PDB file of N, CA and C in Angstrom:
ATOM      1  N   MET A   1      -3.486 -24.339  36.757  1.00  0.00           N
ATOM      2  CA  MET A   1      -4.037 -23.869  34.809  1.00  0.00           C
ATOM      3  C   MET A   1      -4.669 -22.342  35.361  1.00  0.00           C
ATOM      4  N   SER A   2      -5.479 -21.630  36.282  1.00  0.00           N
ATOM      5  CA  SER A   2      -5.510 -21.023  36.170  1.00  0.00           C
ATOM      6  C   SER A   2      -4.464 -19.570  35.670  1.00  0.00           C
ATOM      7  N   PHE A   3      -3.082 -20.120  35.704  1.00  0.00           N
ATOM      8  CA  PHE A   3      -2.448 -18.983  35.538  1.00  0.00           C
ATOM      9  C   PHE A   3      -1.991 -19.346  34.192  1.00  0.00           C
ATOM     10  N   PHE A   4      -1.925 -20.839  33.085  1.00  0.00           N
ATOM     11  CA  PHE A   4      -1.573 -21.177  32.760  1.00  0.00           C
ATOM     12  C   PHE A   4      -2.522 -20.025  31.071  1.00  0.00           C
ATOM     13  N   ARG A   5      -4.622 -20.605  32.233  1.00  0.00           N
ATOM     14  CA  ARG A   5      -5.662 -19.882  31.143  1.00  0.00           C
ATOM     15  C   ARG A   5      -5.496 -18.591  30.973  1.00  0.00           C
ATOM     16  N   ARG A   6      -5.293 -17.317  32.235  1.00  0.00           N
ATOM     17  CA  ARG A   6      -4.356 -15.992  32.459  1.00  0.00           C
ATOM     18  C   ARG A   6      -3.175 -15.807  31.225  1.00  0.00           C
ATOM     19  N   PHE A   7      -2.297 -16.866  31.385  1.00  0.00           N
ATOM     20  CA  PHE A   7      -1.001 -16.591  30.115  1.00  0.00           C
ATOM     21  C   PHE A   7      -1.651 -16.835  28.631  1.00  0.00           C
ATOM     22  N   LEU A   8      -2.682 -16.985  28.203  1.00  0.00           N
ATOM     23  CA  LEU A   8      -2.867 -17.072  27.533  1.00  0.00           C
ATOM     24  C   LEU A   8      -4.159 -16.309  26.640  1.00  0.00           C
ATOM     25  N   ILE A   9      -4.937 -15.824  27.669  1.00  0.00           N
ATOM     26  CA  ILE A   9      -5.129 -14.641  28.014  1.00  0.00           C
ATOM     27  C   ILE A   9      -4.452 -13.409  26.822  1.00  0.00           C
ATOM     28  N   ASN A  10      -3.762 -12.805  28.513  1.00  0.00           N
ATOM     29  CA  ASN A  10      -2.809 -11.839  27.831  1.00  0.00           C
ATOM     30  C   ASN A  10      -1.898 -12.327  26.628  1.00  0.00           C
ATOM     31  N   ARG A  11      -1.697 -13.594  26.003  1.00  0.00           N
ATOM     32  CA  ARG A  11      -1.200 -13.631  24.729  1.00  0.00           C
ATOM     33  C   ARG A  11      -1.911 -13.052  24.021  1.00  0.00           C
ATOM     34  N   LEU A  12      -3.202 -13.680  23.992  1.00  0.00           N
ATOM     35  CA  LEU A  12      -4.539 -13.111  22.212  1.00  0.00           C
ATOM     36  C   LEU A  12      -4.846 -11.863  22.830  1.00  0.00           C
ATOM     37  N   PHE A  13      -4.544 -11.304  23.759  1.00  0.00           N
ATOM     38  CA  PHE A  13      -5.024  -9.950  24.340  1.00  0.00           C
ATOM     39  C   PHE A  13      -3.622  -8.944  23.086  1.00  0.00           C
ATOM     40  N   THR A  14      -2.118  -9.371  23.575  1.00  0.00           N
ATOM     41  CA  THR A  14      -1.172  -8.746  22.311  1.00  0.00           C
ATOM     42  C   THR A  14      -1.049  -8.983  21.287  1.00  0.00           C
ATOM     43  N   LEU A  15      -1.758 -10.220  21.359  1.00  0.00           N
ATOM     44  CA  LEU A  15      -1.745 -10.723  19.532  1.00  0.00           C
ATOM     45  C   LEU A  15      -2.317  -9.740  18.612  1.00  0.00           C
ATOM     46  N   ARG A  16      -3.612  -9.198  19.530  1.00  0.00           N
ATOM     47  CA  ARG A  16      -4.909  -8.442  19.030  1.00  0.00           C
ATOM     48  C   ARG A  16      -4.311  -7.464  18.876  1.00  0.00           C
ATOM     49  N   LEU A  17      -4.243  -6.500  19.841  1.00  0.00           N
ATOM     50  CA  LEU A  17      -2.920  -5.243  20.470  1.00  0.00           C
ATOM     51  C   LEU A  17      -2.363  -4.840  19.371  1.00  0.00           C
ATOM     52  N   LEU A  18      -1.860  -6.047  18.820  1.00  0.00           N
ATOM     53  CA  LEU A  18      -0.672  -5.610  17.841  1.00  0.00           C
ATOM     54  C   LEU A  18      -0.664  -5.969  16.453  1.00  0.00           C
ATOM     55  N   SER A  19      -2.037  -6.840  15.998  1.00  0.00           N
ATOM     56  CA  SER A  19      -2.764  -6.676  15.463  1.00  0.00           C
ATOM     57  C   SER A  19      -3.134  -5.469  14.390  1.00  0.00           C
ATOM     58  N   ASN A  20      -4.304  -5.328  15.719  1.00  0.00           N
ATOM     59  CA  ASN A  20      -4.575  -3.400  15.188  1.00  0.00           C
ATOM     60  C   ASN A  20      -4.012  -2.531  15.356  1.00  0.00           C
ATOM     61  N   LEU A  21      -2.583  -2.982  15.495  1.00  0.00           N
ATOM     62  CA  LEU A  21      -2.199  -1.263  15.809  1.00  0.00           C
ATOM     63  C   LEU A  21      -0.873  -1.938  14.121  1.00  0.00           C
ATOM     64  N   LEU A  22      -1.341  -3.017  13.753  1.00  0.00           N
ATOM     65  CA  LEU A  22      -0.641  -3.033  12.563  1.00  0.00           C
ATOM     66  C   LEU A  22      -1.893  -2.776  11.767  1.00  0.00           C
ATOM     67  N   GLY A  23      -2.343  -3.067  10.975  1.00  0.00           N
ATOM     68  CA  GLY A  23      -3.719  -2.595  11.414  1.00  0.00           C
ATOM     69  C   GLY A  23      -3.577  -0.959  10.831  1.00  0.00           C
ATOM     70  N   HIS A  24      -3.689  -0.423  11.816  1.00  0.00           N
ATOM     71  CA  HIS A  24      -3.742   0.785  11.477  1.00  0.00           C
ATOM     72  C   HIS A  24      -2.415   1.775  10.572  1.00  0.00           C
ATOM     73  N   VAL A  25      -1.745   1.114  11.396  1.00  0.00           N
ATOM     74  CA  VAL A  25      -0.450   1.441  10.166  1.00  0.00           C
ATOM     75  C   VAL A  25      -0.524   1.026   8.903  1.00  0.00           C
ATOM     76  N   VAL A  26      -1.108   0.110   8.747  1.00  0.00           N
ATOM     77  CA  VAL A  26      -1.333  -0.087   6.966  1.00  0.00           C
ATOM     78  C   VAL A  26      -1.965   0.831   6.258  1.00  0.00           C
ATOM     79  N   PHE A  27      -3.215   1.313   7.387  1.00  0.00           N
ATOM     80  CA  PHE A  27      -3.900   1.708   6.558  1.00  0.00           C
ATOM     81  C   PHE A  27      -3.013   3.105   6.693  1.00  0.00           C
ATOM     82  N   ILE A  28      -2.821   3.684   7.520  1.00  0.00           N
ATOM     83  CA  ILE A  28      -1.971   5.315   7.196  1.00  0.00           C
ATOM     84  C   ILE A  28      -1.108   5.330   5.979  1.00  0.00           C
ATOM     85  N   LEU A  29      -0.350   3.850   5.635  1.00  0.00           N
ATOM     86  CA  LEU A  29       0.905   3.879   4.486  1.00  0.00           C
ATOM     87  C   LEU A  29      -0.140   3.958   3.804  1.00  0.00           C
ATOM     88  N   SER A  30      -1.101   3.663   3.699  1.00  0.00           N
ATOM     89  CA  SER A  30      -1.603   3.155   1.939  1.00  0.00           C
ATOM     90  C   SER A  30      -2.736   4.669   2.523  1.00  0.00           C
ATOM     91  N   LEU A  31      -3.225   5.496   2.749  1.00  0.00           N
ATOM     92  CA  LEU A  31      -3.407   6.863   2.932  1.00  0.00           C
ATOM     93  C   LEU A  31      -2.412   7.732   2.270  1.00  0.00           C
ATOM     94  N   ILE A  32      -1.410   7.675   2.841  1.00  0.00           N
ATOM     95  CA  ILE A  32       0.182   8.110   2.537  1.00  0.00           C
ATOM     96  C   ILE A  32       0.378   7.749   1.462  1.00  0.00           C
ATOM     97  N   LEU A  33       0.337   6.085   0.594  1.00  0.00           N
ATOM     98  CA  LEU A  33       1.157   6.100  -0.728  1.00  0.00           C
ATOM     99  C   LEU A  33      -0.261   6.428  -1.901  1.00  0.00           C
ATOM    100  N   ASN A  34      -1.014   5.915  -1.344  1.00  0.00           N
ATOM    101  CA  ASN A  34      -2.004   6.065  -2.625  1.00  0.00           C
ATOM    102  C   ASN A  34      -2.546   7.124  -3.122  1.00  0.00           C
ATOM    103  N   PRO A  35      -1.474   8.354  -2.620  1.00  0.00           N
ATOM    104  CA  PRO A  35      -1.606   9.708  -3.758  1.00  0.00           C
ATOM    105  C   PRO A  35      -0.354   9.612  -4.976  1.00  0.00           C
ATOM    106  N   LEU A  36       0.254   8.763  -4.032  1.00  0.00           N
ATOM    107  CA  LEU A  36       2.021   8.388  -4.872  1.00  0.00           C
ATOM    108  C   LEU A  36       1.292   8.296  -5.934  1.00  0.00           C
ATOM    109  N   CYS A  37       1.150   6.853  -5.578  1.00  0.00           N
ATOM    110  CA  CYS A  37       0.086   5.215  -6.611  1.00  0.00           C
ATOM    111  C   CYS A  37      -0.448   6.515  -7.691  1.00  0.00           C
ATOM    112  N   ILE A  38      -1.117   7.220  -7.195  1.00  0.00           N
ATOM    113  CA  ILE A  38      -1.707   7.625  -8.813  1.00  0.00           C
ATOM    114  C   ILE A  38      -1.183   9.041  -9.826  1.00  0.00           C
ATOM    115  N   VAL A  39      -0.304   9.319  -8.904  1.00  0.00           N
ATOM    116  CA  VAL A  39      -0.035  10.023  -9.310  1.00  0.00           C
ATOM    117  C   VAL A  39       1.645   9.398 -10.322  1.00  0.00           C
ATOM    118  N   PHE A  40       2.354   8.582  -9.682  1.00  0.00           N
ATOM    119  CA  PHE A  40       2.975   7.510 -10.546  1.00  0.00           C
ATOM    120  C   PHE A  40       2.534   7.288 -11.672  1.00  0.00           C
ATOM    121  N   PHE A  41       0.843   6.285 -11.843  1.00  0.00           N
ATOM    122  CA  PHE A  41       0.435   6.243 -12.216  1.00  0.00           C
ATOM    123  C   PHE A  41      -0.333   7.685 -13.803  1.00  0.00           C
ATOM    124  N   VAL A  42      -0.233   8.265 -13.060  1.00  0.00           N
ATOM    125  CA  VAL A  42      -0.673   9.158 -14.345  1.00  0.00           C
ATOM    126  C   VAL A  42       0.149   9.851 -15.177  1.00  0.00           C
ATOM    127  N   LEU A  43       1.483   9.876 -14.691  1.00  0.00           N
ATOM    128  CA  LEU A  43       2.874  10.351 -14.659  1.00  0.00           C
ATOM    129  C   LEU A  43       3.554   8.836 -16.104  1.00  0.00           C
ATOM    130  N   LEU A  44       2.901   7.622 -15.733  1.00  0.00           N
ATOM    131  CA  LEU A  44       3.562   6.228 -16.345  1.00  0.00           C
ATOM    132  C   LEU A  44       2.191   6.712 -17.680  1.00  0.00           C
ATOM    133  N   LYS A  45       1.122   6.869 -17.698  1.00  0.00           N
ATOM    134  CA  LYS A  45      -0.036   7.153 -18.848  1.00  0.00           C
ATOM    135  C   LYS A  45       0.434   8.076 -19.566  1.00  0.00           C
ATOM    136  N   LEU A  46       1.407   8.905 -19.105  1.00  0.00           N
ATOM    137  CA  LEU A  46       1.113  10.364 -19.527  1.00  0.00           C
ATOM    138  C   LEU A  46       2.594  10.402 -20.554  1.00  0.00           C
ATOM    139  N   LEU A  47       3.462   9.061 -19.932  1.00  0.00           N
ATOM    140  CA  LEU A  47       5.118   9.204 -20.880  1.00  0.00           C
ATOM    141  C   LEU A  47       4.487   8.018 -21.766  1.00  0.00           C
ATOM    142  N   LEU A  48       4.235   7.049 -21.395  1.00  0.00           N
ATOM    143  CA  LEU A  48       3.284   6.050 -22.546  1.00  0.00           C
ATOM    144  C   LEU A  48       2.857   7.213 -23.780  1.00  0.00           C
ATOM    145  N   ILE A  49       1.592   7.853 -23.987  1.00  0.00           N
ATOM    146  CA  ILE A  49       0.752   9.052 -24.436  1.00  0.00           C
ATOM    147  C   ILE A  49       1.883   9.931 -25.319  1.00  0.00           C
ATOM    148  N   LEU A  50       3.408   9.716 -24.210  1.00  0.00           N
ATOM    149  CA  LEU A  50       4.210  10.677 -25.601  1.00  0.00           C
ATOM    150  C   LEU A  50       4.880   9.909 -25.977  1.00  0.00           C
ATOM    151  N   VAL A  51       5.044   8.760 -25.595  1.00  0.00           N
ATOM    152  CA  VAL A  51       6.064   7.475 -26.465  1.00  0.00           C
ATOM    153  C   VAL A  51       5.138   7.519 -27.984  1.00  0.00           C
ATOM    154  N   LYS A  52       4.020   6.506 -27.906  1.00  0.00           N
ATOM    155  CA  LYS A  52       2.823   6.355 -28.540  1.00  0.00           C
ATOM    156  C   LYS A  52       2.999   8.144 -30.022  1.00  0.00           C
ATOM    157  N   ARG A  53       3.380   8.966 -29.227  1.00  0.00           N
ATOM    158  CA  ARG A  53       3.341  10.079 -30.249  1.00  0.00           C
ATOM    159  C   ARG A  53       4.318  10.652 -31.153  1.00  0.00           C
ATOM    160  N   THR A  54       5.723  10.529 -29.958  1.00  0.00           N
ATOM    161  CA  THR A  54       6.662  10.198 -30.851  1.00  0.00           C
ATOM    162  C   THR A  54       6.830   9.374 -32.125  1.00  0.00           C
ATOM    163  N   SER A  55       6.805   8.338 -31.520  1.00  0.00           N
ATOM    164  CA  SER A  55       6.938   7.076 -32.076  1.00  0.00           C
ATOM    165  C   SER A  55       5.810   7.515 -33.784  1.00  0.00           C
ATOM    166  N   VAL A  56       4.820   7.573 -33.666  1.00  0.00           N
ATOM    167  CA  VAL A  56       4.041   7.865 -34.414  1.00  0.00           C
ATOM    168  C   VAL A  56       4.815   9.546 -35.573  1.00  0.00           C
ATOM    169  N   SER A  57       5.314  10.247 -35.007  1.00  0.00           N
ATOM    170  CA  SER A  57       5.374  11.308 -35.839  1.00  0.00           C
ATOM    171  C   SER A  57       6.747  10.817 -36.155  1.00  0.00           C
ATOM    172  N   PHE A  58       7.838   9.590 -36.069  1.00  0.00           N
ATOM    173  CA  PHE A  58       9.162   9.640 -36.219  1.00  0.00           C
ATOM    174  C   PHE A  58       8.442   7.971 -37.266  1.00  0.00           C
ATOM    175  N   ALA A  59       7.394   7.762 -37.401  1.00  0.00           N
ATOM    176  CA  ALA A  59       7.164   6.702 -38.418  1.00  0.00           C
ATOM    177  C   ALA A  59       6.871   7.920 -39.983  1.00  0.00           C
ATOM    178  N   SER A  60       5.781   8.573 -39.505  1.00  0.00           N
ATOM    179  CA  SER A  60       5.154   9.150 -40.522  1.00  0.00           C
ATOM    180  C   SER A  60       6.240  10.166 -41.317  1.00  0.00           C
ATOM    181  N   SER A  61       7.438  10.611 -40.481  1.00  0.00           N
ATOM    182  CA  SER A  61       8.538  11.360 -41.273  1.00  0.00           C
ATOM    183  C   SER A  61       9.433  10.956 -42.146  1.00  0.00           C
TER     184      SER A  61
END
């Protein structure tokens, strides 16, 4: 019984460690990818503005 309990505690501990590690990895990835997403969003906005302007200039001519 004690062996089983120890095994269960070890399993829970390793799971907790893994989830902690996973959380840190996700956090670091989000820190790295967040600026990239912001830059991508800004570029997309600029592209949309350019497309709107060109369509307006085409419509006026």
